[in-house]
Amino acid sequence: MKRIVDDLFGKFDPQGFVVTVTRTIAETGSVAIEYEACGRTGDGRPYQNYYVTLLRVADGKVTEVRPHNDTAHLLKLLG
C-alpha cells in the first residue's frame, strides 16, 4: 500500500492540493464527507477530482476510513 501511495502522490506537484469540503452527513457511528481536491500534476496539468470518504467512529475515535473517488479519471490523467 505504501508503494502505491508513494507512486501516486509522486506524480503530483509537491505543493499539494486545495481541498474543499462540500457536504458532511453524520449518523450514529458514521460520518460521510464529500469534498473536491484541486491541484496540478508534476508536469503542470490541472487536476480536479471529487471524493467521498466514509468514516466509522467508535468511542470518539475513527476506526475505519473508506475513501472513494473517480479512479478512471485519475488513471486517465496520470496514465
Protein backbone atom coordinates (compact mmCIF):
# COMPACT_ATOMS: atom_id res chain seq x y z
CA MET A 1 0.00 0.00 0.00
CA LYS A 2 2.79 2.46 0.88
CA ARG A 3 4.34 1.94 -2.56
CA ILE A 4 1.03 2.67 -4.30
CA VAL A 5 0.53 5.89 -2.31
CA ASP A 6 4.16 7.00 -2.79
CA ASP A 7 4.00 6.29 -6.54
CA LEU A 8 0.65 8.07 -6.88
CA PHE A 9 1.47 11.21 -4.90
CA GLY A 10 4.89 11.43 -6.53
CA LYS A 11 3.08 12.26 -9.81
CA PHE A 12 1.60 15.46 -8.38
CA ASP A 13 3.03 18.90 -7.73
CA PRO A 14 4.68 18.75 -4.29
CA GLN A 15 2.86 21.94 -3.24
CA GLY A 16 -0.21 19.76 -2.73
CA PHE A 17 -3.91 20.27 -3.24
CA VAL A 18 -6.62 22.71 -2.32
CA VAL A 19 -9.34 20.65 -0.65
CA THR A 20 -12.88 21.98 -0.27
CA VAL A 21 -15.44 20.11 1.83
CA THR A 22 -18.83 20.38 0.15
CA ARG A 23 -21.03 18.23 2.41
CA THR A 24 -20.97 16.16 5.57
CA ILE A 25 -23.58 13.71 6.76
CA ALA A 26 -23.44 12.08 10.18
CA GLU A 27 -25.42 9.41 11.94
CA THR A 28 -24.64 7.16 14.86
CA GLY A 29 -21.24 5.62 14.27
CA SER A 30 -20.68 7.01 10.76
CA VAL A 31 -19.69 10.26 9.04
CA ALA A 32 -19.66 10.78 5.27
CA ILE A 33 -17.56 13.64 3.91
CA GLU A 34 -17.88 14.86 0.31
CA TYR A 35 -15.04 17.04 -0.95
CA GLU A 36 -13.21 18.31 -4.03
CA ALA A 37 -9.43 18.30 -4.50
CA CYS A 38 -7.73 20.63 -6.99
CA GLY A 39 -4.06 20.80 -7.83
CA ARG A 40 -1.54 20.10 -10.57
CA THR A 41 0.32 17.07 -11.80
CA GLY A 42 4.10 17.08 -11.63
CA ASP A 43 4.23 18.20 -15.27
CA GLY A 44 1.83 21.11 -14.66
CA ARG A 45 -1.51 19.75 -15.90
CA PRO A 46 -4.54 20.73 -13.79
CA TYR A 47 -6.14 18.08 -11.58
CA GLN A 48 -9.65 18.19 -10.14
CA ASN A 49 -11.50 15.26 -8.67
CA TYR A 50 -14.40 14.63 -6.32
CA TYR A 51 -14.19 12.34 -3.32
CA VAL A 52 -16.44 10.81 -0.69
CA THR A 53 -14.89 9.33 2.42
CA LEU A 54 -16.83 7.26 4.91
CA LEU A 55 -15.55 7.29 8.49
CA ARG A 56 -16.66 4.78 11.10
CA VAL A 57 -16.42 6.09 14.65
CA ALA A 58 -16.46 4.27 17.98
CA ASP A 59 -15.67 5.61 21.44
CA GLY A 60 -14.78 9.00 19.96
CA LYS A 61 -12.12 7.55 17.64
CA VAL A 62 -12.05 6.87 13.92
CA THR A 63 -11.94 3.09 13.47
CA GLU A 64 -12.26 2.84 9.69
CA VAL A 65 -11.62 5.13 6.72
CA ARG A 66 -13.09 4.24 3.32
CA PRO A 67 -12.21 6.78 0.58
CA HIS A 68 -13.96 6.73 -2.80
CA ASN A 69 -13.17 8.73 -5.95
CA ASP A 70 -13.30 8.58 -9.73
CA THR A 71 -10.32 6.29 -10.27
CA ALA A 72 -10.89 6.14 -14.05
CA HIS A 73 -10.39 9.92 -14.22
CA LEU A 74 -7.27 9.67 -12.07
CA LEU A 75 -5.74 6.87 -14.14
CA LYS A 76 -6.57 8.61 -17.43
CA LEU A 77 -4.82 11.76 -16.27
CA LEU A 78 -1.76 10.02 -14.83
CA GLY A 79 -1.63 7.22 -17.38
